[in-house]
Amino acid sequence: MVPKIKQVNKIFNNIDREFNQINERFDNIDKKFTQVDGRFEKIDRKFAQVNERIDKKTEEVVHQFHIIAENLEDKIKQVTKGVVSLNEKMDRRFDEMHRDIQQKHQDVLAAIKFF
């Protein structure tokens, strides 16, 4: 009977060794997962930094756009005023020319009647 106990003990010792090897493998896998988790955390931090930079740059671009848009609106208003003013001047000048032509026409007609 004792030899059977020794055999069973030997089998259990082998099983214990195999379980120890499996535990070592799992420990190694856990270490690797910990390393991978660390890498992912690093990547997450980098993404957060990139997102912050993008947000800041977006704010800067939007701010610059608003400044440019306001400046452009002012220039468009100035051009509009200039066009309106020019139209008014041209209308006055055309009216003057029309009156001058009418007067000269009347003078020519009067001269023709005189002869």
PDB file of N, CA and C in Angstrom:
ATOM      1  N   MET A   1       0.814  -1.184   0.000  1.00  0.00           N
ATOM      2  CA  MET A   1       0.000   0.000   0.000  1.00  0.00           C
ATOM      3  C   MET A   1       0.866   1.260   0.000  1.00  0.00           C
ATOM      4  N   VAL A   2       1.945   1.224   0.663  1.00  0.00           N
ATOM      5  CA  VAL A   2       2.837   2.366   0.758  1.00  0.00           C
ATOM      6  C   VAL A   2       3.357   2.753  -0.627  1.00  0.00           C
ATOM      7  N   PRO A   3       3.694   1.774  -1.477  1.00  0.00           N
ATOM      8  CA  PRO A   3       4.144   2.176  -2.802  1.00  0.00           C
ATOM      9  C   PRO A   3       3.057   2.928  -3.575  1.00  0.00           C
ATOM     10  N   LYS A   4       1.803   2.580  -3.351  1.00  0.00           N
ATOM     11  CA  LYS A   4       0.727   3.289  -4.046  1.00  0.00           C
ATOM     12  C   LYS A   4       0.632   4.726  -3.544  1.00  0.00           C
ATOM     13  N   ILE A   5       0.825   4.908  -2.267  1.00  0.00           N
ATOM     14  CA  ILE A   5       0.794   6.271  -1.701  1.00  0.00           C
ATOM     15  C   ILE A   5       1.953   7.075  -2.285  1.00  0.00           C
ATOM     16  N   LYS A   6       3.098   6.438  -2.409  1.00  0.00           N
ATOM     17  CA  LYS A   6       4.250   7.130  -2.996  1.00  0.00           C
ATOM     18  C   LYS A   6       3.954   7.514  -4.451  1.00  0.00           C
ATOM     19  N   GLN A   7       3.294   6.601  -5.155  1.00  0.00           N
ATOM     20  CA  GLN A   7       2.937   6.891  -6.558  1.00  0.00           C
ATOM     21  C   GLN A   7       1.945   8.062  -6.613  1.00  0.00           C
ATOM     22  N   VAL A   8       0.958   8.026  -5.716  1.00  0.00           N
ATOM     23  CA  VAL A   8      -0.040   9.096  -5.685  1.00  0.00           C
ATOM     24  C   VAL A   8       0.646  10.409  -5.307  1.00  0.00           C
ATOM     25  N   ASN A   9       1.535  10.350  -4.335  1.00  0.00           N
ATOM     26  CA  ASN A   9       2.285  11.549  -3.942  1.00  0.00           C
ATOM     27  C   ASN A   9       3.111  12.079  -5.117  1.00  0.00           C
ATOM     28  N   LYS A  10       3.729  11.157  -5.830  1.00  0.00           N
ATOM     29  CA  LYS A  10       4.534  11.542  -6.993  1.00  0.00           C
ATOM     30  C   LYS A  10       3.649  12.217  -8.051  1.00  0.00           C
ATOM     31  N   ILE A  11       2.471  11.634  -8.266  1.00  0.00           N
ATOM     32  CA  ILE A  11       1.525  12.214  -9.245  1.00  0.00           C
ATOM     33  C   ILE A  11       1.104  13.613  -8.794  1.00  0.00           C
ATOM     34  N   PHE A  12       0.772  13.739  -7.484  1.00  0.00           N
ATOM     35  CA  PHE A  12       0.361  15.046  -6.964  1.00  0.00           C
ATOM     36  C   PHE A  12       1.514  16.063  -7.032  1.00  0.00           C
ATOM     37  N   ASN A  13       2.709  15.581  -6.781  1.00  0.00           N
ATOM     38  CA  ASN A  13       3.885  16.472  -6.893  1.00  0.00           C
ATOM     39  C   ASN A  13       4.048  16.963  -8.338  1.00  0.00           C
ATOM     40  N   ASN A  14       3.859  16.047  -9.302  1.00  0.00           N
ATOM     41  CA  ASN A  14       3.928  16.432 -10.717  1.00  0.00           C
ATOM     42  C   ASN A  14       2.829  17.448 -11.058  1.00  0.00           C
ATOM     43  N   ILE A  15       1.630  17.161 -10.532  1.00  0.00           N
ATOM     44  CA  ILE A  15       0.511  18.089 -10.775  1.00  0.00           C
ATOM     45  C   ILE A  15       0.824  19.450 -10.145  1.00  0.00           C
ATOM     46  N   ASP A  16       1.365  19.452  -8.932  1.00  0.00           N
ATOM     47  CA  ASP A  16       1.741  20.710  -8.269  1.00  0.00           C
ATOM     48  C   ASP A  16       2.777  21.471  -9.103  1.00  0.00           C
ATOM     49  N   ARG A  17       3.754  20.746  -9.626  1.00  0.00           N
ATOM     50  CA  ARG A  17       4.780  21.386 -10.465  1.00  0.00           C
ATOM     51  C   ARG A  17       4.140  22.004 -11.709  1.00  0.00           C
ATOM     52  N   GLU A  18       3.260  21.246 -12.328  1.00  0.00           N
ATOM     53  CA  GLU A  18       2.587  21.759 -13.532  1.00  0.00           C
ATOM     54  C   GLU A  18       1.730  22.984 -13.201  1.00  0.00           C
ATOM     55  N   PHE A  19       1.022  22.926 -12.067  1.00  0.00           N
ATOM     56  CA  PHE A  19       0.233  24.092 -11.657  1.00  0.00           C
ATOM     57  C   PHE A  19       1.137  25.292 -11.360  1.00  0.00           C
ATOM     58  N   ASN A  20       2.283  25.033 -10.767  1.00  0.00           N
ATOM     59  CA  ASN A  20       3.240  26.114 -10.505  1.00  0.00           C
ATOM     60  C   ASN A  20       3.731  26.736 -11.820  1.00  0.00           C
ATOM     61  N   GLN A  21       3.998  25.864 -12.794  1.00  0.00           N
ATOM     62  CA  GLN A  21       4.416  26.373 -14.111  1.00  0.00           C
ATOM     63  C   GLN A  21       3.291  27.201 -14.748  1.00  0.00           C
ATOM     64  N   ILE A  22       2.073  26.701 -14.623  1.00  0.00           N
ATOM     65  CA  ILE A  22       0.930  27.431 -15.172  1.00  0.00           C
ATOM     66  C   ILE A  22       0.772  28.775 -14.451  1.00  0.00           C
ATOM     67  N   ASN A  23       0.938  28.747 -13.115  1.00  0.00           N
ATOM     68  CA  ASN A  23       0.851  29.995 -12.349  1.00  0.00           C
ATOM     69  C   ASN A  23       1.923  30.990 -12.788  1.00  0.00           C
ATOM     70  N   GLU A  24       3.144  30.495 -13.052  1.00  0.00           N
ATOM     71  CA  GLU A  24       4.221  31.356 -13.540  1.00  0.00           C
ATOM     72  C   GLU A  24       3.850  31.970 -14.892  1.00  0.00           C
ATOM     73  N   ARG A  25       3.273  31.134 -15.754  1.00  0.00           N
ATOM     74  CA  ARG A  25       2.849  31.634 -17.072  1.00  0.00           C
ATOM     75  C   ARG A  25       1.784  32.725 -16.909  1.00  0.00           C
ATOM     76  N   PHE A  26       0.817  32.465 -16.012  1.00  0.00           N
ATOM     77  CA  PHE A  26      -0.226  33.470 -15.778  1.00  0.00           C
ATOM     78  C   PHE A  26       0.378  34.752 -15.185  1.00  0.00           C
ATOM     79  N   ASP A  27       1.354  34.589 -14.312  1.00  0.00           N
ATOM     80  CA  ASP A  27       2.030  35.769 -13.755  1.00  0.00           C
ATOM     81  C   ASP A  27       2.713  36.566 -14.868  1.00  0.00           C
ATOM     82  N   ASN A  28       3.378  35.853 -15.782  1.00  0.00           N
ATOM     83  CA  ASN A  28       4.028  36.527 -16.916  1.00  0.00           C
ATOM     84  C   ASN A  28       2.996  37.231 -17.794  1.00  0.00           C
ATOM     85  N   ILE A  29       1.881  36.558 -18.023  1.00  0.00           N
ATOM     86  CA  ILE A  29       0.810  37.160 -18.836  1.00  0.00           C
ATOM     87  C   ILE A  29       0.265  38.402 -18.129  1.00  0.00           C
ATOM     88  N   ASP A  30       0.074  38.303 -16.800  1.00  0.00           N
ATOM     89  CA  ASP A  30      -0.398  39.467 -16.032  1.00  0.00           C
ATOM     90  C   ASP A  30       0.577  40.635 -16.151  1.00  0.00           C
ATOM     91  N   LYS A  31       1.889  40.332 -16.092  1.00  0.00           N
ATOM     92  CA  LYS A  31       2.895  41.391 -16.232  1.00  0.00           C
ATOM     93  C   LYS A  31       2.792  42.049 -17.610  1.00  0.00           C
ATOM     94  N   LYS A  32       2.627  41.212 -18.617  1.00  0.00           N
ATOM     95  CA  LYS A  32       2.507  41.763 -19.972  1.00  0.00           C
ATOM     96  C   LYS A  32       1.249  42.618 -20.112  1.00  0.00           C
ATOM     97  N   PHE A  33       0.129  42.163 -19.532  1.00  0.00           N
ATOM     98  CA  PHE A  33      -1.097  42.961 -19.564  1.00  0.00           C
ATOM     99  C   PHE A  33      -0.901  44.290 -18.819  1.00  0.00           C
ATOM    100  N   THR A  34      -0.164  44.245 -17.722  1.00  0.00           N
ATOM    101  CA  THR A  34       0.127  45.478 -16.975  1.00  0.00           C
ATOM    102  C   THR A  34       0.933  46.434 -17.850  1.00  0.00           C
ATOM    103  N   GLN A  35       1.917  45.878 -18.581  1.00  0.00           N
ATOM    104  CA  GLN A  35       2.711  46.716 -19.490  1.00  0.00           C
ATOM    105  C   GLN A  35       1.833  47.304 -20.592  1.00  0.00           C
ATOM    106  N   VAL A  36       0.964  46.477 -21.152  1.00  0.00           N
ATOM    107  CA  VAL A  36       0.066  46.948 -22.215  1.00  0.00           C
ATOM    108  C   VAL A  36      -0.870  48.018 -21.673  1.00  0.00           C
ATOM    109  N   ASP A  37      -1.391  47.804 -20.454  1.00  0.00           N
ATOM    110  CA  ASP A  37      -2.252  48.820 -19.833  1.00  0.00           C
ATOM    111  C   ASP A  37      -1.503  50.145 -19.684  1.00  0.00           C
ATOM    112  N   GLY A  38      -0.241  50.044 -19.277  1.00  0.00           N
ATOM    113  CA  GLY A  38       0.581  51.258 -19.148  1.00  0.00           C
ATOM    114  C   GLY A  38       0.734  51.959 -20.486  1.00  0.00           C
ATOM    115  N   ARG A  39       0.946  51.199 -21.526  1.00  0.00           N
ATOM    116  CA  ARG A  39       1.072  51.790 -22.867  1.00  0.00           C
ATOM    117  C   ARG A  39      -0.232  52.466 -23.288  1.00  0.00           C
ATOM    118  N   PHE A  40      -1.353  51.794 -23.020  1.00  0.00           N
ATOM    119  CA  PHE A  40      -2.646  52.397 -23.365  1.00  0.00           C
ATOM    120  C   PHE A  40      -2.889  53.679 -22.575  1.00  0.00           C
ATOM    121  N   GLU A  41      -2.502  53.682 -21.317  1.00  0.00           N
ATOM    122  CA  GLU A  41      -2.656  54.900 -20.510  1.00  0.00           C
ATOM    123  C   GLU A  41      -1.801  56.031 -21.085  1.00  0.00           C
ATOM    124  N   LYS A  42      -0.592  55.682 -21.533  1.00  0.00           N
ATOM    125  CA  LYS A  42       0.288  56.671 -22.151  1.00  0.00           C
ATOM    126  C   LYS A  42      -0.350  57.235 -23.430  1.00  0.00           C
ATOM    127  N   ILE A  43      -0.895  56.338 -24.224  1.00  0.00           N
ATOM    128  CA  ILE A  43      -1.558  56.745 -25.470  1.00  0.00           C
ATOM    129  C   ILE A  43      -2.767  57.611 -25.155  1.00  0.00           C
ATOM    130  N   ASP A  44      -3.537  57.236 -24.128  1.00  0.00           N
ATOM    131  CA  ASP A  44      -4.698  58.046 -23.731  1.00  0.00           C
ATOM    132  C   ASP A  44      -4.271  59.456 -23.330  1.00  0.00           C
ATOM    133  N   ARG A  45      -3.172  59.556 -22.585  1.00  0.00           N
ATOM    134  CA  ARG A  45      -2.674  60.884 -22.187  1.00  0.00           C
ATOM    135  C   ARG A  45      -2.260  61.696 -23.407  1.00  0.00           C
ATOM    136  N   LYS A  46      -1.597  61.034 -24.357  1.00  0.00           N
ATOM    137  CA  LYS A  46      -1.175  61.737 -25.572  1.00  0.00           C
ATOM    138  C   LYS A  46      -2.386  62.213 -26.375  1.00  0.00           C
ATOM    139  N   PHE A  47      -3.403  61.362 -26.472  1.00  0.00           N
ATOM    140  CA  PHE A  47      -4.630  61.767 -27.166  1.00  0.00           C
ATOM    141  C   PHE A  47      -5.269  62.961 -26.473  1.00  0.00           C
ATOM    142  N   ALA A  48      -5.276  62.942 -25.154  1.00  0.00           N
ATOM    143  CA  ALA A  48      -5.858  64.060 -24.404  1.00  0.00           C
ATOM    144  C   ALA A  48      -5.080  65.341 -24.694  1.00  0.00           C
ATOM    145  N   GLN A  49      -3.745  65.248 -24.751  1.00  0.00           N
ATOM    146  CA  GLN A  49      -2.921  66.413 -25.067  1.00  0.00           C
ATOM    147  C   GLN A  49      -3.208  66.920 -26.481  1.00  0.00           C
ATOM    148  N   VAL A  50      -3.311  65.983 -27.409  1.00  0.00           N
ATOM    149  CA  VAL A  50      -3.601  66.366 -28.798  1.00  0.00           C
ATOM    150  C   VAL A  50      -4.971  67.033 -28.874  1.00  0.00           C
ATOM    151  N   ASN A  51      -5.955  66.465 -28.177  1.00  0.00           N
ATOM    152  CA  ASN A  51      -7.296  67.058 -28.172  1.00  0.00           C
ATOM    153  C   ASN A  51      -7.270  68.470 -27.595  1.00  0.00           C
ATOM    154  N   GLU A  52      -6.501  68.675 -26.529  1.00  0.00           N
ATOM    155  CA  GLU A  52      -6.380  70.014 -25.949  1.00  0.00           C
ATOM    156  C   GLU A  52      -5.769  70.986 -26.962  1.00  0.00           C
ATOM    157  N   ARG A  53      -4.713  70.544 -27.639  1.00  0.00           N
ATOM    158  CA  ARG A  53      -4.081  71.418 -28.634  1.00  0.00           C
ATOM    159  C   ARG A  53      -5.036  71.734 -29.773  1.00  0.00           C
ATOM    160  N   ILE A  54      -5.787  70.726 -30.206  1.00  0.00           N
ATOM    161  CA  ILE A  54      -6.763  70.951 -31.280  1.00  0.00           C
ATOM    162  C   ILE A  54      -7.821  71.944 -30.823  1.00  0.00           C
ATOM    163  N   ASP A  55      -8.312  71.771 -29.586  1.00  0.00           N
ATOM    164  CA  ASP A  55      -9.324  72.688 -29.063  1.00  0.00           C
ATOM    165  C   ASP A  55      -8.786  74.116 -28.991  1.00  0.00           C
ATOM    166  N   LYS A  56      -7.553  74.274 -28.503  1.00  0.00           N
ATOM    167  CA  LYS A  56      -6.952  75.614 -28.420  1.00  0.00           C
ATOM    168  C   LYS A  56      -6.791  76.217 -29.810  1.00  0.00           C
ATOM    169  N   LYS A  57      -6.290  75.413 -30.737  1.00  0.00           N
ATOM    170  CA  LYS A  57      -6.070  75.909 -32.099  1.00  0.00           C
ATOM    171  C   LYS A  57      -7.395  76.274 -32.745  1.00  0.00           C
ATOM    172  N   THR A  58      -8.428  75.469 -32.493  1.00  0.00           N
ATOM    173  CA  THR A  58      -9.753  75.763 -33.042  1.00  0.00           C
ATOM    174  C   THR A  58     -10.259  77.092 -32.503  1.00  0.00           C
ATOM    175  N   GLU A  59     -10.079  77.312 -31.199  1.00  0.00           N
ATOM    176  CA  GLU A  59     -10.501  78.581 -30.607  1.00  0.00           C
ATOM    177  C   GLU A  59      -9.752  79.748 -31.245  1.00  0.00           C
ATOM    178  N   GLU A  60      -8.445  79.579 -31.455  1.00  0.00           N
ATOM    179  CA  GLU A  60      -7.640  80.633 -32.066  1.00  0.00           C
ATOM    180  C   GLU A  60      -8.129  80.919 -33.487  1.00  0.00           C
ATOM    181  N   VAL A  61      -8.375  79.864 -34.252  1.00  0.00           N
ATOM    182  CA  VAL A  61      -8.821  80.037 -35.640  1.00  0.00           C
ATOM    183  C   VAL A  61     -10.177  80.725 -35.683  1.00  0.00           C
ATOM    184  N   VAL A  62     -11.090  80.303 -34.810  1.00  0.00           N
ATOM    185  CA  VAL A  62     -12.421  80.921 -34.775  1.00  0.00           C
ATOM    186  C   VAL A  62     -12.299  82.390 -34.395  1.00  0.00           C
ATOM    187  N   HIS A  63     -11.441  82.682 -33.413  1.00  0.00           N
ATOM    188  CA  HIS A  63     -11.241  84.078 -33.001  1.00  0.00           C
ATOM    189  C   HIS A  63     -10.691  84.907 -34.165  1.00  0.00           C
ATOM    190  N   GLN A  64      -9.674  84.371 -34.839  1.00  0.00           N
ATOM    191  CA  GLN A  64      -9.093  85.080 -35.988  1.00  0.00           C
ATOM    192  C   GLN A  64     -10.138  85.260 -37.089  1.00  0.00           C
ATOM    193  N   PHE A  65     -10.959  84.246 -37.310  1.00  0.00           N
ATOM    194  CA  PHE A  65     -11.999  84.342 -38.327  1.00  0.00           C
ATOM    195  C   PHE A  65     -12.963  85.472 -37.994  1.00  0.00           C
ATOM    196  N   HIS A  66     -13.346  85.577 -36.722  1.00  0.00           N
ATOM    197  CA  HIS A  66     -14.261  86.646 -36.325  1.00  0.00           C
ATOM    198  C   HIS A  66     -13.638  88.024 -36.561  1.00  0.00           C
ATOM    199  N   ILE A  67     -12.361  88.148 -36.249  1.00  0.00           N
ATOM    200  CA  ILE A  67     -11.669  89.423 -36.477  1.00  0.00           C
ATOM    201  C   ILE A  67     -11.650  89.747 -37.975  1.00  0.00           C
ATOM    202  N   ILE A  68     -11.288  88.758 -38.782  1.00  0.00           N
ATOM    203  CA  ILE A  68     -11.233  88.966 -40.231  1.00  0.00           C
ATOM    204  C   ILE A  68     -12.621  89.282 -40.773  1.00  0.00           C
ATOM    205  N   ALA A  69     -13.640  88.578 -40.294  1.00  0.00           N
ATOM    206  CA  ALA A  69     -15.009  88.804 -40.763  1.00  0.00           C
ATOM    207  C   ALA A  69     -15.473  90.220 -40.418  1.00  0.00           C
ATOM    208  N   GLU A  70     -15.172  90.685 -39.203  1.00  0.00           N
ATOM    209  CA  GLU A  70     -15.549  92.042 -38.816  1.00  0.00           C
ATOM    210  C   GLU A  70     -14.844  93.067 -39.700  1.00  0.00           C
ATOM    211  N   ASN A  71     -13.555  92.848 -39.936  1.00  0.00           N
ATOM    212  CA  ASN A  71     -12.782  93.747 -40.784  1.00  0.00           C
ATOM    213  C   ASN A  71     -13.362  93.765 -42.203  1.00  0.00           C
ATOM    214  N   LEU A  72     -13.704  92.589 -42.696  1.00  0.00           N
ATOM    215  CA  LEU A  72     -14.273  92.480 -44.033  1.00  0.00           C
ATOM    216  C   LEU A  72     -15.627  93.188 -44.109  1.00  0.00           C
ATOM    217  N   GLU A  73     -16.446  93.027 -43.071  1.00  0.00           N
ATOM    218  CA  GLU A  73     -17.737  93.713 -43.033  1.00  0.00           C
ATOM    219  C   GLU A  73     -17.544  95.225 -43.087  1.00  0.00           C
ATOM    220  N   ASP A  74     -16.562  95.743 -42.330  1.00  0.00           N
ATOM    221  CA  ASP A  74     -16.278  97.186 -42.344  1.00  0.00           C
ATOM    222  C   ASP A  74     -15.865  97.638 -43.743  1.00  0.00           C
ATOM    223  N   LYS A  75     -15.019  96.860 -44.382  1.00  0.00           N
ATOM    224  CA  LYS A  75     -14.567  97.229 -45.729  1.00  0.00           C
ATOM    225  C   LYS A  75     -15.728  97.180 -46.727  1.00  0.00           C
ATOM    226  N   ILE A  76     -16.592  96.188 -46.593  1.00  0.00           N
ATOM    227  CA  ILE A  76     -17.756  96.099 -47.492  1.00  0.00           C
ATOM    228  C   ILE A  76     -18.664  97.309 -47.285  1.00  0.00           C
ATOM    229  N   LYS A  77     -18.857  97.710 -46.033  1.00  0.00           N
ATOM    230  CA  LYS A  77     -19.672  98.892 -45.753  1.00  0.00           C
ATOM    231  C   LYS A  77     -19.051 100.134 -46.388  1.00  0.00           C
ATOM    232  N   GLN A  78     -17.713 100.261 -46.299  1.00  0.00           N
ATOM    233  CA  GLN A  78     -17.034 101.409 -46.907  1.00  0.00           C
ATOM    234  C   GLN A  78     -17.216 101.399 -48.425  1.00  0.00           C
ATOM    235  N   VAL A  79     -17.063 100.242 -49.035  1.00  0.00           N
ATOM    236  CA  VAL A  79     -17.240 100.138 -50.488  1.00  0.00           C
ATOM    237  C   VAL A  79     -18.679 100.484 -50.859  1.00  0.00           C
ATOM    238  N   THR A  80     -19.625  99.988 -50.071  1.00  0.00           N
ATOM    239  CA  THR A  80     -21.038 100.277 -50.338  1.00  0.00           C
ATOM    240  C   THR A  80     -21.293 101.775 -50.271  1.00  0.00           C
ATOM    241  N   LYS A  81     -20.763 102.431 -49.251  1.00  0.00           N
ATOM    242  CA  LYS A  81     -20.936 103.886 -49.135  1.00  0.00           C
ATOM    243  C   LYS A  81     -20.297 104.583 -50.334  1.00  0.00           C
ATOM    244  N   GLY A  82     -19.124 104.109 -50.743  1.00  0.00           N
ATOM    245  CA  GLY A  82     -18.439 104.699 -51.892  1.00  0.00           C
ATOM    246  C   GLY A  82     -19.251 104.548 -53.168  1.00  0.00           C
ATOM    247  N   VAL A  83     -19.850 103.380 -53.367  1.00  0.00           N
ATOM    248  CA  VAL A  83     -20.662 103.139 -54.564  1.00  0.00           C
ATOM    249  C   VAL A  83     -21.892 104.044 -54.548  1.00  0.00           C
ATOM    250  N   VAL A  84     -22.544 104.151 -53.392  1.00  0.00           N
ATOM    251  CA  VAL A  84     -23.721 105.009 -53.277  1.00  0.00           C
ATOM    252  C   VAL A  84     -23.334 106.460 -53.570  1.00  0.00           C
ATOM    253  N   SER A  85     -22.231 106.901 -52.988  1.00  0.00           N
ATOM    254  CA  SER A  85     -21.757 108.275 -53.204  1.00  0.00           C
ATOM    255  C   SER A  85     -21.424 108.507 -54.677  1.00  0.00           C
ATOM    256  N   LEU A  86     -20.747 107.555 -55.291  1.00  0.00           N
ATOM    257  CA  LEU A  86     -20.392 107.666 -56.702  1.00  0.00           C
ATOM    258  C   LEU A  86     -21.649 107.710 -57.569  1.00  0.00           C
ATOM    259  N   ASN A  87     -22.633 106.869 -57.257  1.00  0.00           N
ATOM    260  CA  ASN A  87     -23.894 106.892 -58.007  1.00  0.00           C
ATOM    261  C   ASN A  87     -24.560 108.258 -57.912  1.00  0.00           C
ATOM    262  N   GLU A  88     -24.564 108.823 -56.709  1.00  0.00           N
ATOM    263  CA  GLU A  88     -25.172 110.143 -56.529  1.00  0.00           C
ATOM    264  C   GLU A  88     -24.424 111.206 -57.341  1.00  0.00           C
ATOM    265  N   LYS A  89     -23.099 111.148 -57.332  1.00  0.00           N
ATOM    266  CA  LYS A  89     -22.294 112.103 -58.105  1.00  0.00           C
ATOM    267  C   LYS A  89     -22.555 111.926 -59.600  1.00  0.00           C
ATOM    268  N   MET A  90     -22.592 110.658 -60.038  1.00  0.00           N
ATOM    269  CA  MET A  90     -22.825 110.404 -61.467  1.00  0.00           C
ATOM    270  C   MET A  90     -24.214 110.895 -61.871  1.00  0.00           C
ATOM    271  N   ASP A  91     -25.217 110.659 -61.021  1.00  0.00           N
ATOM    272  CA  ASP A  91     -26.571 111.140 -61.323  1.00  0.00           C
ATOM    273  C   ASP A  91     -26.588 112.657 -61.449  1.00  0.00           C
ATOM    274  N   ARG A  92     -25.919 113.354 -60.518  1.00  0.00           N
ATOM    275  CA  ARG A  92     -25.867 114.827 -60.596  1.00  0.00           C
ATOM    276  C   ARG A  92     -25.153 115.284 -61.870  1.00  0.00           C
ATOM    277  N   ARG A  93     -24.060 114.622 -62.173  1.00  0.00           N
ATOM    278  CA  ARG A  93     -23.287 115.011 -63.370  1.00  0.00           C
ATOM    279  C   ARG A  93     -24.100 114.768 -64.643  1.00  0.00           C
ATOM    280  N   PHE A  94     -24.787 113.613 -64.716  1.00  0.00           N
ATOM    281  CA  PHE A  94     -25.625 113.343 -65.887  1.00  0.00           C
ATOM    282  C   PHE A  94     -26.758 114.360 -66.001  1.00  0.00           C
ATOM    283  N   ASP A  95     -27.333 114.731 -64.869  1.00  0.00           N
ATOM    284  CA  ASP A  95     -28.385 115.762 -64.886  1.00  0.00           C
ATOM    285  C   ASP A  95     -27.836 117.092 -65.409  1.00  0.00           C
ATOM    286  N   GLU A  96     -26.623 117.464 -64.933  1.00  0.00           N
ATOM    287  CA  GLU A  96     -26.001 118.707 -65.410  1.00  0.00           C
ATOM    288  C   GLU A  96     -25.756 118.647 -66.920  1.00  0.00           C
ATOM    289  N   MET A  97     -25.212 117.487 -67.358  1.00  0.00           N
ATOM    290  CA  MET A  97     -24.927 117.340 -68.785  1.00  0.00           C
ATOM    291  C   MET A  97     -26.225 117.402 -69.598  1.00  0.00           C
ATOM    292  N   HIS A  98     -27.264 116.784 -69.077  1.00  0.00           N
ATOM    293  CA  HIS A  98     -28.549 116.804 -69.776  1.00  0.00           C
ATOM    294  C   HIS A  98     -29.074 118.242 -69.877  1.00  0.00           C
ATOM    295  N   ARG A  99     -28.976 118.999 -68.818  1.00  0.00           N
ATOM    296  CA  ARG A  99     -29.423 120.403 -68.841  1.00  0.00           C
ATOM    297  C   ARG A  99     -28.587 121.216 -69.820  1.00  0.00           C
ATOM    298  N   ASP A 100     -27.244 120.973 -69.795  1.00  0.00           N
ATOM    299  CA  ASP A 100     -26.366 121.696 -70.719  1.00  0.00           C
ATOM    300  C   ASP A 100     -26.725 121.373 -72.171  1.00  0.00           C
ATOM    301  N   ILE A 101     -26.947 120.083 -72.444  1.00  0.00           N
ATOM    302  CA  ILE A 101     -27.312 119.681 -73.812  1.00  0.00           C
ATOM    303  C   ILE A 101     -28.644 120.302 -74.202  1.00  0.00           C
ATOM    304  N   GLN A 102     -29.611 120.287 -73.289  1.00  0.00           N
ATOM    305  CA  GLN A 102     -30.919 120.895 -73.577  1.00  0.00           C
ATOM    306  C   GLN A 102     -30.756 122.392 -73.862  1.00  0.00           C
ATOM    307  N   GLN A 103     -29.945 123.079 -73.073  1.00  0.00           N
ATOM    308  CA  GLN A 103     -29.733 124.515 -73.269  1.00  0.00           C
ATOM    309  C   GLN A 103     -29.077 124.783 -74.621  1.00  0.00           C
ATOM    310  N   LYS A 104     -28.057 123.989 -74.952  1.00  0.00           N
ATOM    311  CA  LYS A 104     -27.377 124.187 -76.228  1.00  0.00           C
ATOM    312  C   LYS A 104     -28.310 123.875 -77.386  1.00  0.00           C
ATOM    313  N   HIS A 105     -29.144 122.867 -77.193  1.00  0.00           N
ATOM    314  CA  HIS A 105     -30.112 122.529 -78.221  1.00  0.00           C
ATOM    315  C   HIS A 105     -31.081 123.713 -78.436  1.00  0.00           C
ATOM    316  N   GLN A 106     -31.534 124.282 -77.337  1.00  0.00           N
ATOM    317  CA  GLN A 106     -32.421 125.446 -77.430  1.00  0.00           C
ATOM    318  C   GLN A 106     -31.711 126.616 -78.114  1.00  0.00           C
ATOM    319  N   ASP A 107     -30.425 126.819 -77.790  1.00  0.00           N
ATOM    320  CA  ASP A 107     -29.649 127.905 -78.417  1.00  0.00           C
ATOM    321  C   ASP A 107     -29.510 127.667 -79.917  1.00  0.00           C
ATOM    322  N   VAL A 108     -29.254 126.416 -80.308  1.00  0.00           N
ATOM    323  CA  VAL A 108     -29.121 126.098 -81.732  1.00  0.00           C
ATOM    324  C   VAL A 108     -30.451 126.336 -82.438  1.00  0.00           C
ATOM    325  N   LEU A 109     -31.550 125.911 -81.836  1.00  0.00           N
ATOM    326  CA  LEU A 109     -32.870 126.118 -82.439  1.00  0.00           C
ATOM    327  C   LEU A 109     -33.175 127.613 -82.580  1.00  0.00           C
ATOM    328  N   ALA A 110     -32.819 128.397 -81.559  1.00  0.00           N
ATOM    329  CA  ALA A 110     -33.055 129.839 -81.610  1.00  0.00           C
ATOM    330  C   ALA A 110     -32.210 130.473 -82.713  1.00  0.00           C
ATOM    331  N   ALA A 111     -30.970 129.986 -82.856  1.00  0.00           N
ATOM    332  CA  ALA A 111     -30.093 130.548 -83.881  1.00  0.00           C
ATOM    333  C   ALA A 111     -30.643 130.211 -85.262  1.00  0.00           C
ATOM    334  N   ILE A 112     -31.175 129.009 -85.405  1.00  0.00           N
ATOM    335  CA  ILE A 112     -31.723 128.603 -86.701  1.00  0.00           C
ATOM    336  C   ILE A 112     -32.922 129.465 -87.030  1.00  0.00           C
ATOM    337  N   LYS A 113     -33.763 129.773 -86.069  1.00  0.00           N
ATOM    338  CA  LYS A 113     -34.939 130.609 -86.287  1.00  0.00           C
ATOM    339  C   LYS A 113     -34.522 132.031 -86.615  1.00  0.00           C
ATOM    340  N   PHE A 114     -33.480 132.499 -86.094  1.00  0.00           N
ATOM    341  CA  PHE A 114     -33.027 133.864 -86.311  1.00  0.00           C
ATOM    342  C   PHE A 114     -32.593 134.080 -87.749  1.00  0.00           C
ATOM    343  N   PHE A 115     -32.070 133.070 -88.364  1.00  0.00           N
ATOM    344  CA  PHE A 115     -31.627 133.210 -89.741  1.00  0.00           C
ATOM    345  C   PHE A 115     -32.755 132.959 -90.623  1.00  0.00           C
TER     346      PHE A 115
END
